[in-house]
Amino acid sequence: MPITPYLNGQYFDPETKRIMGVAFEMTRVAMRLDSQAADPILAIIANKIIEFAKGGERDANELCERTLADIATDPPRA
């Protein structure tokens, strides 16, 4: 599932979008989530990855790990 629908008009170069998409998929799989677009946790994951990417992170593994750690520290509320 692509991260593009969650960008809300924010611009990232194609390579950064690709890296964020890989991190999004890695995080989704690590959390054993289905790829249903209506699942609110997917939006939370995407927003965290976007936030970290805006901060300059460009490594898919690091984006995934930071997102997982952030969610574990502050569990999302649906």
N, C-alpha and C. Protein backbone atom coordinates (compact mmCIF):
# COMPACT_ATOMS: atom_id res chain seq x y z
N MET A 1 0.85 -1.18 0.00
CA MET A 1 0.00 0.00 0.00
C MET A 1 0.89 1.24 0.00
N PRO A 2 0.64 2.19 -0.89
CA PRO A 2 1.49 3.38 -0.98
C PRO A 2 1.19 4.38 0.14
N ILE A 3 2.17 5.20 0.45
CA ILE A 3 2.02 6.24 1.46
C ILE A 3 1.44 7.52 0.84
N THR A 4 1.43 7.59 -0.49
CA THR A 4 1.01 8.78 -1.22
C THR A 4 -0.33 9.37 -0.76
N PRO A 5 -1.37 8.57 -0.50
CA PRO A 5 -2.64 9.17 -0.07
C PRO A 5 -2.55 9.95 1.24
N TYR A 6 -1.52 9.69 2.02
CA TYR A 6 -1.38 10.34 3.32
C TYR A 6 -0.52 11.61 3.27
N LEU A 7 0.01 11.94 2.10
CA LEU A 7 0.89 13.11 1.99
C LEU A 7 0.14 14.43 2.05
N ASN A 8 -1.13 14.43 1.73
CA ASN A 8 -1.97 15.63 1.80
C ASN A 8 -1.33 16.84 1.13
N GLY A 9 -0.82 16.62 -0.07
CA GLY A 9 -0.25 17.71 -0.84
C GLY A 9 1.17 18.10 -0.49
N GLN A 10 1.75 17.45 0.51
CA GLN A 10 3.14 17.75 0.88
C GLN A 10 4.07 17.20 -0.20
N TYR A 11 5.08 17.98 -0.54
CA TYR A 11 5.99 17.56 -1.60
C TYR A 11 7.23 16.89 -1.02
N PHE A 12 7.56 15.75 -1.60
CA PHE A 12 8.82 15.05 -1.35
C PHE A 12 9.33 14.60 -2.70
N ASP A 13 10.65 14.59 -2.87
CA ASP A 13 11.20 14.13 -4.13
C ASP A 13 10.88 12.64 -4.31
N PRO A 14 10.92 12.14 -5.54
CA PRO A 14 10.52 10.75 -5.81
C PRO A 14 11.28 9.71 -4.97
N GLU A 15 12.56 9.91 -4.77
CA GLU A 15 13.34 8.93 -3.99
C GLU A 15 12.91 8.93 -2.52
N THR A 16 12.64 10.08 -1.97
CA THR A 16 12.17 10.16 -0.58
C THR A 16 10.80 9.51 -0.45
N LYS A 17 9.92 9.75 -1.43
CA LYS A 17 8.60 9.09 -1.41
C LYS A 17 8.76 7.57 -1.47
N ARG A 18 9.69 7.10 -2.27
CA ARG A 18 9.92 5.66 -2.37
C ARG A 18 10.40 5.11 -1.02
N ILE A 19 11.34 5.79 -0.40
CA ILE A 19 11.86 5.36 0.89
C ILE A 19 10.76 5.37 1.95
N MET A 20 9.96 6.41 1.95
CA MET A 20 8.85 6.47 2.92
C MET A 20 7.85 5.35 2.67
N GLY A 21 7.59 5.04 1.41
CA GLY A 21 6.68 3.94 1.08
C GLY A 21 7.21 2.60 1.56
N VAL A 22 8.50 2.38 1.40
CA VAL A 22 9.13 1.14 1.89
C VAL A 22 9.01 1.08 3.41
N ALA A 23 9.31 2.18 4.08
CA ALA A 23 9.21 2.23 5.54
C ALA A 23 7.77 1.99 6.00
N PHE A 24 6.82 2.56 5.28
CA PHE A 24 5.40 2.38 5.60
C PHE A 24 5.02 0.91 5.52
N GLU A 25 5.42 0.26 4.45
CA GLU A 25 5.11 -1.15 4.28
C GLU A 25 5.83 -2.00 5.33
N MET A 26 7.08 -1.70 5.62
CA MET A 26 7.83 -2.44 6.63
C MET A 26 7.15 -2.33 8.00
N THR A 27 6.71 -1.13 8.33
CA THR A 27 6.05 -0.90 9.62
C THR A 27 4.72 -1.63 9.68
N ARG A 28 3.96 -1.56 8.59
CA ARG A 28 2.66 -2.24 8.53
C ARG A 28 2.85 -3.74 8.73
N VAL A 29 3.82 -4.32 8.06
CA VAL A 29 4.08 -5.76 8.17
C VAL A 29 4.56 -6.10 9.58
N ALA A 30 5.46 -5.28 10.12
CA ALA A 30 5.97 -5.53 11.48
C ALA A 30 4.86 -5.52 12.52
N MET A 31 3.83 -4.70 12.28
CA MET A 31 2.71 -4.62 13.21
C MET A 31 1.60 -5.62 12.86
N ARG A 32 1.83 -6.38 11.78
CA ARG A 32 0.87 -7.38 11.33
C ARG A 32 -0.51 -6.78 11.04
N LEU A 33 -0.47 -5.65 10.33
CA LEU A 33 -1.71 -4.97 9.97
C LEU A 33 -2.08 -5.28 8.53
N ASP A 34 -3.36 -5.44 8.30
CA ASP A 34 -3.87 -5.63 6.95
C ASP A 34 -3.74 -4.30 6.21
N SER A 35 -3.76 -4.32 4.92
CA SER A 35 -3.58 -3.10 4.14
C SER A 35 -4.90 -2.40 3.83
N GLN A 36 -5.86 -2.49 4.72
CA GLN A 36 -7.14 -1.83 4.52
C GLN A 36 -6.96 -0.33 4.65
N ALA A 37 -7.37 0.39 3.63
CA ALA A 37 -7.16 1.84 3.60
C ALA A 37 -7.94 2.56 4.69
N ALA A 38 -9.03 1.99 5.19
CA ALA A 38 -9.86 2.67 6.18
C ALA A 38 -9.32 2.50 7.61
N ASP A 39 -8.30 1.71 7.79
CA ASP A 39 -7.78 1.45 9.13
C ASP A 39 -7.08 2.70 9.65
N PRO A 40 -7.56 3.30 10.75
CA PRO A 40 -6.96 4.55 11.24
C PRO A 40 -5.51 4.41 11.69
N ILE A 41 -5.11 3.24 12.10
CA ILE A 41 -3.71 3.06 12.53
C ILE A 41 -2.76 3.28 11.35
N LEU A 42 -3.19 2.97 10.13
CA LEU A 42 -2.35 3.20 8.96
C LEU A 42 -2.07 4.69 8.77
N ALA A 43 -3.06 5.51 9.03
CA ALA A 43 -2.86 6.96 8.93
C ALA A 43 -1.89 7.44 10.00
N ILE A 44 -1.97 6.88 11.19
CA ILE A 44 -1.06 7.25 12.27
C ILE A 44 0.37 6.87 11.89
N ILE A 45 0.55 5.67 11.37
CA ILE A 45 1.87 5.21 10.93
C ILE A 45 2.41 6.13 9.84
N ALA A 46 1.60 6.40 8.84
CA ALA A 46 2.03 7.25 7.73
C ALA A 46 2.43 8.64 8.22
N ASN A 47 1.63 9.21 9.11
CA ASN A 47 1.93 10.54 9.61
C ASN A 47 3.23 10.58 10.40
N LYS A 48 3.52 9.54 11.15
CA LYS A 48 4.78 9.48 11.89
C LYS A 48 5.96 9.37 10.93
N ILE A 49 5.83 8.53 9.92
CA ILE A 49 6.90 8.40 8.93
C ILE A 49 7.13 9.72 8.21
N ILE A 50 6.06 10.39 7.82
CA ILE A 50 6.16 11.69 7.16
C ILE A 50 6.84 12.70 8.08
N GLU A 51 6.47 12.70 9.34
CA GLU A 51 7.08 13.61 10.32
C GLU A 51 8.60 13.39 10.41
N PHE A 52 9.01 12.12 10.51
CA PHE A 52 10.44 11.82 10.61
C PHE A 52 11.17 12.16 9.31
N ALA A 53 10.51 11.93 8.17
CA ALA A 53 11.12 12.27 6.88
C ALA A 53 11.27 13.79 6.74
N LYS A 54 10.29 14.54 7.21
CA LYS A 54 10.38 15.99 7.18
C LYS A 54 11.55 16.48 8.04
N GLY A 55 11.88 15.70 9.06
CA GLY A 55 13.00 16.02 9.92
C GLY A 55 14.34 15.63 9.33
N GLY A 56 14.32 15.01 8.14
CA GLY A 56 15.56 14.71 7.44
C GLY A 56 15.94 13.24 7.36
N GLU A 57 15.21 12.36 8.02
CA GLU A 57 15.55 10.93 7.98
C GLU A 57 15.27 10.38 6.58
N ARG A 58 16.24 9.66 6.01
CA ARG A 58 16.10 9.11 4.66
C ARG A 58 16.46 7.63 4.58
N ASP A 59 16.44 6.95 5.69
CA ASP A 59 16.72 5.51 5.72
C ASP A 59 15.43 4.77 6.09
N ALA A 60 14.98 3.87 5.21
CA ALA A 60 13.72 3.17 5.43
C ALA A 60 13.73 2.36 6.73
N ASN A 61 14.84 1.70 7.02
CA ASN A 61 14.92 0.92 8.26
C ASN A 61 14.80 1.81 9.48
N GLU A 62 15.46 2.94 9.44
CA GLU A 62 15.42 3.88 10.57
C GLU A 62 14.02 4.50 10.71
N LEU A 63 13.39 4.83 9.59
CA LEU A 63 12.02 5.36 9.64
C LEU A 63 11.09 4.34 10.27
N CYS A 64 11.23 3.09 9.88
CA CYS A 64 10.40 2.02 10.44
C CYS A 64 10.66 1.87 11.94
N GLU A 65 11.91 1.76 12.33
CA GLU A 65 12.26 1.56 13.73
C GLU A 65 11.81 2.72 14.60
N ARG A 66 12.02 3.94 14.12
CA ARG A 66 11.60 5.11 14.90
C ARG A 66 10.08 5.17 15.04
N THR A 67 9.37 4.79 13.98
CA THR A 67 7.91 4.78 14.03
C THR A 67 7.42 3.73 15.02
N LEU A 68 7.98 2.53 14.95
CA LEU A 68 7.59 1.48 15.88
C LEU A 68 7.88 1.88 17.32
N ALA A 69 9.04 2.46 17.56
CA ALA A 69 9.40 2.88 18.91
C ALA A 69 8.48 3.99 19.40
N ASP A 70 8.16 4.93 18.52
CA ASP A 70 7.28 6.03 18.90
C ASP A 70 5.88 5.54 19.23
N ILE A 71 5.39 4.61 18.45
CA ILE A 71 4.05 4.05 18.72
C ILE A 71 4.05 3.24 20.00
N ALA A 72 5.13 2.51 20.27
CA ALA A 72 5.22 1.71 21.49
C ALA A 72 5.28 2.61 22.73
N THR A 73 5.92 3.77 22.58
CA THR A 73 6.05 4.70 23.70
C THR A 73 4.74 5.43 23.96
N ASP A 74 4.06 5.80 22.91
CA ASP A 74 2.80 6.55 23.02
C ASP A 74 1.76 5.85 22.17
N PRO A 75 1.11 4.79 22.71
CA PRO A 75 0.15 4.04 21.90
C PRO A 75 -0.93 4.93 21.30
N PRO A 76 -1.21 4.76 20.01
CA PRO A 76 -2.24 5.59 19.36
C PRO A 76 -3.63 5.25 19.87
N ARG A 77 -4.47 6.26 19.84
CA ARG A 77 -5.87 6.05 20.22
C ARG A 77 -6.72 6.19 18.97
N ALA A 78 -7.57 5.23 18.74
CA ALA A 78 -8.42 5.24 17.53
C ALA A 78 -9.63 6.12 17.71
